[in-house]
Amino acid sequence: EETFEKLKEYIGDNPGCNMAQLSTETGVPVKIITGFIRD
């Protein structure tokens, strides 16, 4: 949930970011981001 909130906050502040940016800037691996998308 903390990871999801971190992603949600970054996306809110940076609309239109891509998955690589999101991963790099938050430190969350692409695999976990993809899991949230799949869910």
PDB file of all heavy atoms in Angstrom:
ATOM      1  N   GLU A   1       0.827  -1.209   0.000  1.00  0.00           N
ATOM      2  CA  GLU A   1       0.000   0.000   0.000  1.00  0.00           C
ATOM      3  C   GLU A   1       0.863   1.261   0.000  1.00  0.00           C
ATOM      4  O   GLU A   1       0.549   2.233  -0.678  1.00  0.00           O
ATOM      5  CB  GLU A   1      -0.966   0.016   1.179  1.00  0.00           C
ATOM      6  CG  GLU A   1      -2.143  -0.907   1.004  1.00  0.00           C
ATOM      7  CD  GLU A   1      -2.893  -0.679  -0.296  1.00  0.00           C
ATOM      8  OE1 GLU A   1      -3.262   0.475  -0.602  1.00  0.00           O
ATOM      9  OE2 GLU A   1      -3.106  -1.658  -1.020  1.00  0.00           O
ATOM     10  N   GLU A   2       1.963   1.230   0.748  1.00  0.00           N
ATOM     11  CA  GLU A   2       2.879   2.375   0.764  1.00  0.00           C
ATOM     12  C   GLU A   2       3.511   2.567  -0.620  1.00  0.00           C
ATOM     13  O   GLU A   2       3.645   3.700  -1.096  1.00  0.00           O
ATOM     14  CB  GLU A   2       3.960   2.179   1.822  1.00  0.00           C
ATOM     15  CG  GLU A   2       3.422   2.304   3.242  1.00  0.00           C
ATOM     16  CD  GLU A   2       4.414   1.873   4.310  1.00  0.00           C
ATOM     17  OE1 GLU A   2       5.544   1.422   3.970  1.00  0.00           O
ATOM     18  OE2 GLU A   2       4.060   1.970   5.505  1.00  0.00           O
ATOM     19  N   THR A   3       3.881   1.475  -1.263  1.00  0.00           N
ATOM     20  CA  THR A   3       4.446   1.538  -2.609  1.00  0.00           C
ATOM     21  C   THR A   3       3.425   2.109  -3.577  1.00  0.00           C
ATOM     22  O   THR A   3       3.742   2.979  -4.396  1.00  0.00           O
ATOM     23  CB  THR A   3       4.897   0.134  -3.080  1.00  0.00           C
ATOM     24  OG1 THR A   3       5.896  -0.350  -2.178  1.00  0.00           O
ATOM     25  CG2 THR A   3       5.439   0.156  -4.486  1.00  0.00           C
ATOM     26  N   PHE A   4       2.178   1.635  -3.487  1.00  0.00           N
ATOM     27  CA  PHE A   4       1.127   2.126  -4.363  1.00  0.00           C
ATOM     28  C   PHE A   4       0.912   3.623  -4.159  1.00  0.00           C
ATOM     29  O   PHE A   4       0.764   4.375  -5.124  1.00  0.00           O
ATOM     30  CB  PHE A   4      -0.181   1.357  -4.122  1.00  0.00           C
ATOM     31  CG  PHE A   4      -1.307   1.843  -4.980  1.00  0.00           C
ATOM     32  CD1 PHE A   4      -1.348   1.544  -6.325  1.00  0.00           C
ATOM     33  CD2 PHE A   4      -2.317   2.619  -4.446  1.00  0.00           C
ATOM     34  CE1 PHE A   4      -2.379   2.002  -7.142  1.00  0.00           C
ATOM     35  CE2 PHE A   4      -3.351   3.084  -5.240  1.00  0.00           C
ATOM     36  CZ  PHE A   4      -3.380   2.777  -6.595  1.00  0.00           C
ATOM     37  N   GLU A   5       0.895   4.070  -2.901  1.00  0.00           N
ATOM     38  CA  GLU A   5       0.703   5.493  -2.610  1.00  0.00           C
ATOM     39  C   GLU A   5       1.851   6.331  -3.176  1.00  0.00           C
ATOM     40  O   GLU A   5       1.623   7.428  -3.685  1.00  0.00           O
ATOM     41  CB  GLU A   5       0.552   5.727  -1.100  1.00  0.00           C
ATOM     42  CG  GLU A   5      -0.782   5.263  -0.553  1.00  0.00           C
ATOM     43  CD  GLU A   5      -1.976   5.938  -1.203  1.00  0.00           C
ATOM     44  OE1 GLU A   5      -1.946   7.167  -1.430  1.00  0.00           O
ATOM     45  OE2 GLU A   5      -2.954   5.224  -1.496  1.00  0.00           O
ATOM     46  N   LYS A   6       3.077   5.794  -3.112  1.00  0.00           N
ATOM     47  CA  LYS A   6       4.231   6.491  -3.674  1.00  0.00           C
ATOM     48  C   LYS A   6       4.064   6.656  -5.187  1.00  0.00           C
ATOM     49  O   LYS A   6       4.295   7.732  -5.745  1.00  0.00           O
ATOM     50  CB  LYS A   6       5.513   5.708  -3.374  1.00  0.00           C
ATOM     51  CG  LYS A   6       6.782   6.387  -3.850  1.00  0.00           C
ATOM     52  CD  LYS A   6       8.015   5.500  -3.806  1.00  0.00           C
ATOM     53  CE  LYS A   6       8.332   4.913  -2.480  1.00  0.00           C
ATOM     54  NZ  LYS A   6       9.622   4.173  -2.479  1.00  0.00           N
ATOM     55  N   LEU A   7       3.639   5.585  -5.849  1.00  0.00           N
ATOM     56  CA  LEU A   7       3.409   5.632  -7.296  1.00  0.00           C
ATOM     57  C   LEU A   7       2.289   6.612  -7.632  1.00  0.00           C
ATOM     58  O   LEU A   7       2.408   7.430  -8.553  1.00  0.00           O
ATOM     59  CB  LEU A   7       3.066   4.244  -7.835  1.00  0.00           C
ATOM     60  CG  LEU A   7       4.165   3.196  -7.767  1.00  0.00           C
ATOM     61  CD1 LEU A   7       3.610   1.824  -8.121  1.00  0.00           C
ATOM     62  CD2 LEU A   7       5.336   3.561  -8.654  1.00  0.00           C
ATOM     63  N   LYS A   8       1.206   6.527  -6.889  1.00  0.00           N
ATOM     64  CA  LYS A   8       0.044   7.386  -7.122  1.00  0.00           C
ATOM     65  C   LYS A   8       0.415   8.870  -6.963  1.00  0.00           C
ATOM     66  O   LYS A   8       0.022   9.708  -7.775  1.00  0.00           O
ATOM     67  CB  LYS A   8      -1.057   6.995  -6.121  1.00  0.00           C
ATOM     68  CG  LYS A   8      -2.385   7.658  -6.335  1.00  0.00           C
ATOM     69  CD  LYS A   8      -3.389   7.039  -5.376  1.00  0.00           C
ATOM     70  CE  LYS A   8      -4.361   8.067  -4.877  1.00  0.00           C
ATOM     71  NZ  LYS A   8      -5.273   7.536  -3.879  1.00  0.00           N
ATOM     72  N   GLU A   9       1.192   9.165  -5.957  1.00  0.00           N
ATOM     73  CA  GLU A   9       1.623  10.548  -5.725  1.00  0.00           C
ATOM     74  C   GLU A   9       2.512  11.042  -6.870  1.00  0.00           C
ATOM     75  O   GLU A   9       2.339  12.151  -7.360  1.00  0.00           O
ATOM     76  CB  GLU A   9       2.371  10.641  -4.390  1.00  0.00           C
ATOM     77  CG  GLU A   9       2.772  12.048  -4.021  1.00  0.00           C
ATOM     78  CD  GLU A   9       3.462  12.098  -2.663  1.00  0.00           C
ATOM     79  OE1 GLU A   9       3.056  11.360  -1.742  1.00  0.00           O
ATOM     80  OE2 GLU A   9       4.409  12.894  -2.537  1.00  0.00           O
ATOM     81  N   TYR A  10       3.460  10.189  -7.302  1.00  0.00           N
ATOM     82  CA  TYR A  10       4.355  10.595  -8.390  1.00  0.00           C
ATOM     83  C   TYR A  10       3.558  10.823  -9.681  1.00  0.00           C
ATOM     84  O   TYR A  10       3.776  11.803 -10.387  1.00  0.00           O
ATOM     85  CB  TYR A  10       5.451   9.558  -8.625  1.00  0.00           C
ATOM     86  CG  TYR A  10       6.432  10.021  -9.681  1.00  0.00           C
ATOM     87  CD1 TYR A  10       7.473  10.874  -9.343  1.00  0.00           C
ATOM     88  CD2 TYR A  10       6.278   9.651 -11.011  1.00  0.00           C
ATOM     89  CE1 TYR A  10       8.352  11.338 -10.312  1.00  0.00           C
ATOM     90  CE2 TYR A  10       7.148  10.110 -11.982  1.00  0.00           C
ATOM     91  CZ  TYR A  10       8.181  10.954 -11.619  1.00  0.00           C
ATOM     92  OH  TYR A  10       9.040  11.420 -12.585  1.00  0.00           O
ATOM     93  N   ILE A  11       2.632   9.944  -9.962  1.00  0.00           N
ATOM     94  CA  ILE A  11       1.805  10.085 -11.171  1.00  0.00           C
ATOM     95  C   ILE A  11       0.966  11.365 -11.087  1.00  0.00           C
ATOM     96  O   ILE A  11       0.817  12.071 -12.079  1.00  0.00           O
ATOM     97  CB  ILE A  11       0.909   8.839 -11.378  1.00  0.00           C
ATOM     98  CG1 ILE A  11       1.767   7.630 -11.730  1.00  0.00           C
ATOM     99  CG2 ILE A  11      -0.137   9.091 -12.458  1.00  0.00           C
ATOM    100  CD1 ILE A  11       1.041   6.305 -11.678  1.00  0.00           C
ATOM    101  N   GLY A  12       0.448  11.659  -9.912  1.00  0.00           N
ATOM    102  CA  GLY A  12      -0.335  12.877  -9.731  1.00  0.00           C
ATOM    103  C   GLY A  12       0.492  14.134  -9.981  1.00  0.00           C
ATOM    104  O   GLY A  12       0.006  15.106 -10.553  1.00  0.00           O
ATOM    105  N   ASP A  13       1.748  14.097  -9.546  1.00  0.00           N
ATOM    106  CA  ASP A  13       2.636  15.249  -9.735  1.00  0.00           C
ATOM    107  C   ASP A  13       3.251  15.297 -11.128  1.00  0.00           C
ATOM    108  O   ASP A  13       3.724  16.344 -11.564  1.00  0.00           O
ATOM    109  CB  ASP A  13       3.768  15.223  -8.699  1.00  0.00           C
ATOM    110  CG  ASP A  13       3.273  15.438  -7.272  1.00  0.00           C
ATOM    111  OD1 ASP A  13       2.142  15.958  -7.103  1.00  0.00           O
ATOM    112  OD2 ASP A  13       4.007  15.079  -6.332  1.00  0.00           O
ATOM    113  N   ASN A  14       3.299  14.153 -11.816  1.00  0.00           N
ATOM    114  CA  ASN A  14       3.942  14.052 -13.128  1.00  0.00           C
ATOM    115  C   ASN A  14       3.054  13.314 -14.124  1.00  0.00           C
ATOM    116  O   ASN A  14       3.400  12.222 -14.592  1.00  0.00           O
ATOM    117  CB  ASN A  14       5.285  13.319 -13.005  1.00  0.00           C
ATOM    118  CG  ASN A  14       6.220  14.003 -12.043  1.00  0.00           C
ATOM    119  OD1 ASN A  14       6.867  14.971 -12.385  1.00  0.00           O
ATOM    120  ND2 ASN A  14       6.263  13.503 -10.815  1.00  0.00           N
ATOM    121  N   PRO A  15       1.896  13.888 -14.444  1.00  0.00           N
ATOM    122  CA  PRO A  15       1.001  13.190 -15.378  1.00  0.00           C
ATOM    123  C   PRO A  15       1.696  12.994 -16.730  1.00  0.00           C
ATOM    124  O   PRO A  15       2.459  13.842 -17.175  1.00  0.00           O
ATOM    125  CB  PRO A  15      -0.203  14.118 -15.491  1.00  0.00           C
ATOM    126  CG  PRO A  15       0.244  15.429 -14.968  1.00  0.00           C
ATOM    127  CD  PRO A  15       1.407  15.199 -14.060  1.00  0.00           C
ATOM    128  N   GLY A  16       1.454  11.869 -17.330  1.00  0.00           N
ATOM    129  CA  GLY A  16       2.050  11.583 -18.639  1.00  0.00           C
ATOM    130  C   GLY A  16       3.420  10.935 -18.559  1.00  0.00           C
ATOM    131  O   GLY A  16       4.053  10.697 -19.585  1.00  0.00           O
ATOM    132  N   CYS A  17       3.898  10.631 -17.339  1.00  0.00           N
ATOM    133  CA  CYS A  17       5.206   9.968 -17.241  1.00  0.00           C
ATOM    134  C   CYS A  17       5.087   8.551 -17.803  1.00  0.00           C
ATOM    135  O   CYS A  17       4.007   7.974 -17.837  1.00  0.00           O
ATOM    136  CB  CYS A  17       5.673   9.935 -15.790  1.00  0.00           C
ATOM    137  SG  CYS A  17       4.672   8.928 -14.685  1.00  0.00           S
ATOM    138  N   ASN A  18       6.212   8.014 -18.257  1.00  0.00           N
ATOM    139  CA  ASN A  18       6.169   6.637 -18.748  1.00  0.00           C
ATOM    140  C   ASN A  18       6.621   5.678 -17.645  1.00  0.00           C
ATOM    141  O   ASN A  18       7.045   6.109 -16.573  1.00  0.00           O
ATOM    142  CB  ASN A  18       6.977   6.475 -20.039  1.00  0.00           C
ATOM    143  CG  ASN A  18       8.448   6.733 -19.836  1.00  0.00           C
ATOM    144  OD1 ASN A  18       9.011   6.439 -18.790  1.00  0.00           O
ATOM    145  ND2 ASN A  18       9.085   7.298 -20.849  1.00  0.00           N
ATOM    146  N   MET A  19       6.550   4.393 -17.919  1.00  0.00           N
ATOM    147  CA  MET A  19       6.833   3.396 -16.905  1.00  0.00           C
ATOM    148  C   MET A  19       8.295   3.441 -16.466  1.00  0.00           C
ATOM    149  O   MET A  19       8.601   3.293 -15.279  1.00  0.00           O
ATOM    150  CB  MET A  19       6.468   1.994 -17.396  1.00  0.00           C
ATOM    151  CG  MET A  19       6.215   1.078 -16.240  1.00  0.00           C
ATOM    152  SD  MET A  19       5.616  -0.570 -16.611  1.00  0.00           S
ATOM    153  CE  MET A  19       4.439  -0.354 -17.875  1.00  0.00           C
ATOM    154  N   ALA A  20       9.212   3.682 -17.394  1.00  0.00           N
ATOM    155  CA  ALA A  20      10.630   3.748 -17.052  1.00  0.00           C
ATOM    156  C   ALA A  20      10.900   4.925 -16.108  1.00  0.00           C
ATOM    157  O   ALA A  20      11.621   4.787 -15.115  1.00  0.00           O
ATOM    158  CB  ALA A  20      11.473   3.867 -18.313  1.00  0.00           C
ATOM    159  N   GLN A  21      10.321   6.092 -16.416  1.00  0.00           N
ATOM    160  CA  GLN A  21      10.462   7.261 -15.537  1.00  0.00           C
ATOM    161  C   GLN A  21       9.887   6.971 -14.160  1.00  0.00           C
ATOM    162  O   GLN A  21      10.507   7.296 -13.144  1.00  0.00           O
ATOM    163  CB  GLN A  21       9.708   8.464 -16.112  1.00  0.00           C
ATOM    164  CG  GLN A  21      10.346   9.154 -17.264  1.00  0.00           C
ATOM    165  CD  GLN A  21       9.410  10.243 -17.786  1.00  0.00           C
ATOM    166  OE1 GLN A  21       8.285   9.939 -18.189  1.00  0.00           O
ATOM    167  NE2 GLN A  21       9.869  11.473 -17.758  1.00  0.00           N
ATOM    168  N   LEU A  22       8.702   6.408 -14.135  1.00  0.00           N
ATOM    169  CA  LEU A  22       8.024   6.098 -12.884  1.00  0.00           C
ATOM    170  C   LEU A  22       8.890   5.181 -12.023  1.00  0.00           C
ATOM    171  O   LEU A  22       9.075   5.413 -10.832  1.00  0.00           O
ATOM    172  CB  LEU A  22       6.661   5.460 -13.170  1.00  0.00           C
ATOM    173  CG  LEU A  22       5.761   5.139 -12.000  1.00  0.00           C
ATOM    174  CD1 LEU A  22       5.434   6.382 -11.188  1.00  0.00           C
ATOM    175  CD2 LEU A  22       4.475   4.483 -12.494  1.00  0.00           C
ATOM    176  N   SER A  23       9.465   4.171 -12.643  1.00  0.00           N
ATOM    177  CA  SER A  23      10.310   3.226 -11.935  1.00  0.00           C
ATOM    178  C   SER A  23      11.589   3.897 -11.431  1.00  0.00           C
ATOM    179  O   SER A  23      11.960   3.747 -10.264  1.00  0.00           O
ATOM    180  CB  SER A  23      10.660   2.051 -12.843  1.00  0.00           C
ATOM    181  OG  SER A  23      11.545   1.179 -12.185  1.00  0.00           O
ATOM    182  N   THR A  24      12.235   4.655 -12.293  1.00  0.00           N
ATOM    183  CA  THR A  24      13.489   5.309 -11.931  1.00  0.00           C
ATOM    184  C   THR A  24      13.287   6.321 -10.810  1.00  0.00           C
ATOM    185  O   THR A  24      14.048   6.345  -9.841  1.00  0.00           O
ATOM    186  CB  THR A  24      14.105   6.022 -13.157  1.00  0.00           C
ATOM    187  OG1 THR A  24      14.321   5.047 -14.181  1.00  0.00           O
ATOM    188  CG2 THR A  24      15.418   6.699 -12.815  1.00  0.00           C
ATOM    189  N   GLU A  25      12.275   7.143 -10.933  1.00  0.00           N
ATOM    190  CA  GLU A  25      12.058   8.228  -9.973  1.00  0.00           C
ATOM    191  C   GLU A  25      11.517   7.750  -8.630  1.00  0.00           C
ATOM    192  O   GLU A  25      11.752   8.393  -7.615  1.00  0.00           O
ATOM    193  CB  GLU A  25      11.118   9.283 -10.571  1.00  0.00           C
ATOM    194  CG  GLU A  25      11.695   9.990 -11.777  1.00  0.00           C
ATOM    195  CD  GLU A  25      12.973  10.766 -11.473  1.00  0.00           C
ATOM    196  OE1 GLU A  25      13.056  11.403 -10.398  1.00  0.00           O
ATOM    197  OE2 GLU A  25      13.893  10.721 -12.309  1.00  0.00           O
ATOM    198  N   THR A  26      10.788   6.649  -8.609  1.00  0.00           N
ATOM    199  CA  THR A  26      10.217   6.159  -7.345  1.00  0.00           C
ATOM    200  C   THR A  26      11.039   5.032  -6.737  1.00  0.00           C
ATOM    201  O   THR A  26      10.871   4.713  -5.563  1.00  0.00           O
ATOM    202  CB  THR A  26       8.780   5.645  -7.550  1.00  0.00           C
ATOM    203  OG1 THR A  26       8.800   4.566  -8.483  1.00  0.00           O
ATOM    204  CG2 THR A  26       7.857   6.766  -8.002  1.00  0.00           C
ATOM    205  N   GLY A  27      11.887   4.402  -7.543  1.00  0.00           N
ATOM    206  CA  GLY A  27      12.652   3.261  -7.060  1.00  0.00           C
ATOM    207  C   GLY A  27      11.850   1.971  -7.030  1.00  0.00           C
ATOM    208  O   GLY A  27      12.288   0.963  -6.477  1.00  0.00           O
ATOM    209  N   VAL A  28      10.670   1.996  -7.623  1.00  0.00           N
ATOM    210  CA  VAL A  28       9.802   0.813  -7.659  1.00  0.00           C
ATOM    211  C   VAL A  28      10.085   0.050  -8.952  1.00  0.00           C
ATOM    212  O   VAL A  28      10.011   0.632 -10.034  1.00  0.00           O
ATOM    213  CB  VAL A  28       8.312   1.220  -7.583  1.00  0.00           C
ATOM    214  CG1 VAL A  28       7.407  -0.003  -7.690  1.00  0.00           C
ATOM    215  CG2 VAL A  28       8.032   1.990  -6.301  1.00  0.00           C
ATOM    216  N   PRO A  29      10.429  -1.237  -8.868  1.00  0.00           N
ATOM    217  CA  PRO A  29      10.712  -2.001 -10.076  1.00  0.00           C
ATOM    218  C   PRO A  29       9.526  -2.048 -11.047  1.00  0.00           C
ATOM    219  O   PRO A  29       8.356  -2.048 -10.625  1.00  0.00           O
ATOM    220  CB  PRO A  29      11.016  -3.412  -9.553  1.00  0.00           C
ATOM    221  CG  PRO A  29      11.367  -3.228  -8.114  1.00  0.00           C
ATOM    222  CD  PRO A  29      10.588  -2.033  -7.648  1.00  0.00           C
ATOM    223  N   VAL A  30       9.842  -2.095 -12.333  1.00  0.00           N
ATOM    224  CA  VAL A  30       8.818  -2.155 -13.383  1.00  0.00           C
ATOM    225  C   VAL A  30       7.887  -3.343 -13.153  1.00  0.00           C
ATOM    226  O   VAL A  30       6.682  -3.244 -13.376  1.00  0.00           O
ATOM    227  CB  VAL A  30       9.471  -2.209 -14.781  1.00  0.00           C
ATOM    228  CG1 VAL A  30       8.444  -2.504 -15.857  1.00  0.00           C
ATOM    229  CG2 VAL A  30      10.192  -0.900 -15.077  1.00  0.00           C
ATOM    230  N   LYS A  31       8.421  -4.456 -12.687  1.00  0.00           N
ATOM    231  CA  LYS A  31       7.610  -5.659 -12.448  1.00  0.00           C
ATOM    232  C   LYS A  31       6.485  -5.373 -11.447  1.00  0.00           C
ATOM    233  O   LYS A  31       5.351  -5.827 -11.628  1.00  0.00           O
ATOM    234  CB  LYS A  31       8.508  -6.790 -11.932  1.00  0.00           C
ATOM    235  CG  LYS A  31       7.805  -8.090 -11.712  1.00  0.00           C
ATOM    236  CD  LYS A  31       8.769  -9.166 -11.275  1.00  0.00           C
ATOM    237  CE  LYS A  31       8.030 -10.470 -11.058  1.00  0.00           C
ATOM    238  NZ  LYS A  31       8.913 -11.543 -10.639  1.00  0.00           N
ATOM    239  N   ILE A  32       6.771  -4.592 -10.417  1.00  0.00           N
ATOM    240  CA  ILE A  32       5.749  -4.268  -9.419  1.00  0.00           C
ATOM    241  C   ILE A  32       4.733  -3.297 -10.004  1.00  0.00           C
ATOM    242  O   ILE A  32       3.523  -3.443  -9.791  1.00  0.00           O
ATOM    243  CB  ILE A  32       6.404  -3.716  -8.134  1.00  0.00           C
ATOM    244  CG1 ILE A  32       7.167  -4.851  -7.461  1.00  0.00           C
ATOM    245  CG2 ILE A  32       5.371  -3.111  -7.195  1.00  0.00           C
ATOM    246  CD1 ILE A  32       7.968  -4.462  -6.254  1.00  0.00           C
ATOM    247  N   ILE A  33       5.210  -2.331 -10.772  1.00  0.00           N
ATOM    248  CA  ILE A  33       4.301  -1.388 -11.439  1.00  0.00           C
ATOM    249  C   ILE A  33       3.382  -2.149 -12.378  1.00  0.00           C
ATOM    250  O   ILE A  33       2.168  -1.935 -12.395  1.00  0.00           O
ATOM    251  CB  ILE A  33       5.093  -0.304 -12.202  1.00  0.00           C
ATOM    252  CG1 ILE A  33       5.916   0.532 -11.212  1.00  0.00           C
ATOM    253  CG2 ILE A  33       4.161   0.583 -13.013  1.00  0.00           C
ATOM    254  CD1 ILE A  33       6.938   1.444 -11.859  1.00  0.00           C
ATOM    255  N   THR A  34       3.949  -3.073 -13.137  1.00  0.00           N
ATOM    256  CA  THR A  34       3.162  -3.898 -14.051  1.00  0.00           C
ATOM    257  C   THR A  34       2.121  -4.707 -13.281  1.00  0.00           C
ATOM    258  O   THR A  34       0.985  -4.866 -13.727  1.00  0.00           O
ATOM    259  CB  THR A  34       4.074  -4.834 -14.864  1.00  0.00           C
ATOM    260  OG1 THR A  34       5.022  -4.045 -15.581  1.00  0.00           O
ATOM    261  CG2 THR A  34       3.293  -5.683 -15.844  1.00  0.00           C
ATOM    262  N   GLY A  35       2.480  -5.197 -12.103  1.00  0.00           N
ATOM    263  CA  GLY A  35       1.528  -5.932 -11.265  1.00  0.00           C
ATOM    264  C   GLY A  35       0.338  -5.076 -10.873  1.00  0.00           C
ATOM    265  O   GLY A  35      -0.807  -5.539 -10.898  1.00  0.00           O
ATOM    266  N   PHE A  36       0.588  -3.812 -10.524  1.00  0.00           N
ATOM    267  CA  PHE A  36      -0.514  -2.901 -10.189  1.00  0.00           C
ATOM    268  C   PHE A  36      -1.388  -2.642 -11.411  1.00  0.00           C
ATOM    269  O   PHE A  36      -2.608  -2.505 -11.287  1.00  0.00           O
ATOM    270  CB  PHE A  36       0.017  -1.576  -9.641  1.00  0.00           C
ATOM    271  CG  PHE A  36       0.510  -1.653  -8.215  1.00  0.00           C
ATOM    272  CD1 PHE A  36       1.773  -1.210  -7.873  1.00  0.00           C
ATOM    273  CD2 PHE A  36      -0.296  -2.147  -7.203  1.00  0.00           C
ATOM    274  CE1 PHE A  36       2.225  -1.256  -6.564  1.00  0.00           C
ATOM    275  CE2 PHE A  36       0.137  -2.209  -5.888  1.00  0.00           C
ATOM    276  CZ  PHE A  36       1.411  -1.765  -5.564  1.00  0.00           C
ATOM    277  N   ILE A  37      -0.777  -2.582 -12.577  1.00  0.00           N
ATOM    278  CA  ILE A  37      -1.561  -2.397 -13.811  1.00  0.00           C
ATOM    279  C   ILE A  37      -2.397  -3.641 -14.081  1.00  0.00           C
ATOM    280  O   ILE A  37      -3.587  -3.558 -14.383  1.00  0.00           O
ATOM    281  CB  ILE A  37      -0.636  -2.073 -15.008  1.00  0.00           C
ATOM    282  CG1 ILE A  37       0.035  -0.709 -14.793  1.00  0.00           C
ATOM    283  CG2 ILE A  37      -1.420  -2.092 -16.320  1.00  0.00           C
ATOM    284  CD1 ILE A  37       1.178  -0.416 -15.749  1.00  0.00           C
ATOM    285  N   ARG A  38      -1.795  -4.812 -13.954  1.00  0.00           N
ATOM    286  CA  ARG A  38      -2.507  -6.072 -14.184  1.00  0.00           C
ATOM    287  C   ARG A  38      -3.656  -6.256 -13.191  1.00  0.00           C
ATOM    288  O   ARG A  38      -4.684  -6.819 -13.530  1.00  0.00           O
ATOM    289  CB  ARG A  38      -1.554  -7.262 -14.088  1.00  0.00           C
ATOM    290  CG  ARG A  38      -0.509  -7.313 -15.175  1.00  0.00           C
ATOM    291  CD  ARG A  38      -1.104  -7.819 -16.419  1.00  0.00           C
ATOM    292  NE  ARG A  38      -0.094  -8.046 -17.445  1.00  0.00           N
ATOM    293  CZ  ARG A  38      -0.382  -8.222 -18.697  1.00  0.00           C
ATOM    294  NH1 ARG A  38      -1.635  -8.218 -19.102  1.00  0.00           N
ATOM    295  NH2 ARG A  38       0.555  -8.417 -19.578  1.00  0.00           N
ATOM    296  N   ASP A  39      -3.460  -5.772 -11.953  1.00  0.00           N
ATOM    297  CA  ASP A  39      -4.514  -5.865 -10.940  1.00  0.00           C
ATOM    298  C   ASP A  39      -5.609  -4.833 -11.144  1.00  0.00           C
ATOM    299  O   ASP A  39      -6.628  -4.863 -10.456  1.00  0.00           O
ATOM    300  CB  ASP A  39      -3.934  -5.686  -9.538  1.00  0.00           C
ATOM    301  CG  ASP A  39      -3.062  -6.852  -9.104  1.00  0.00           C
ATOM    302  OD1 ASP A  39      -3.143  -7.926  -9.732  1.00  0.00           O
ATOM    303  OD2 ASP A  39      -2.294  -6.683  -8.139  1.00  0.00           O
TER     304      ASP A  39
END
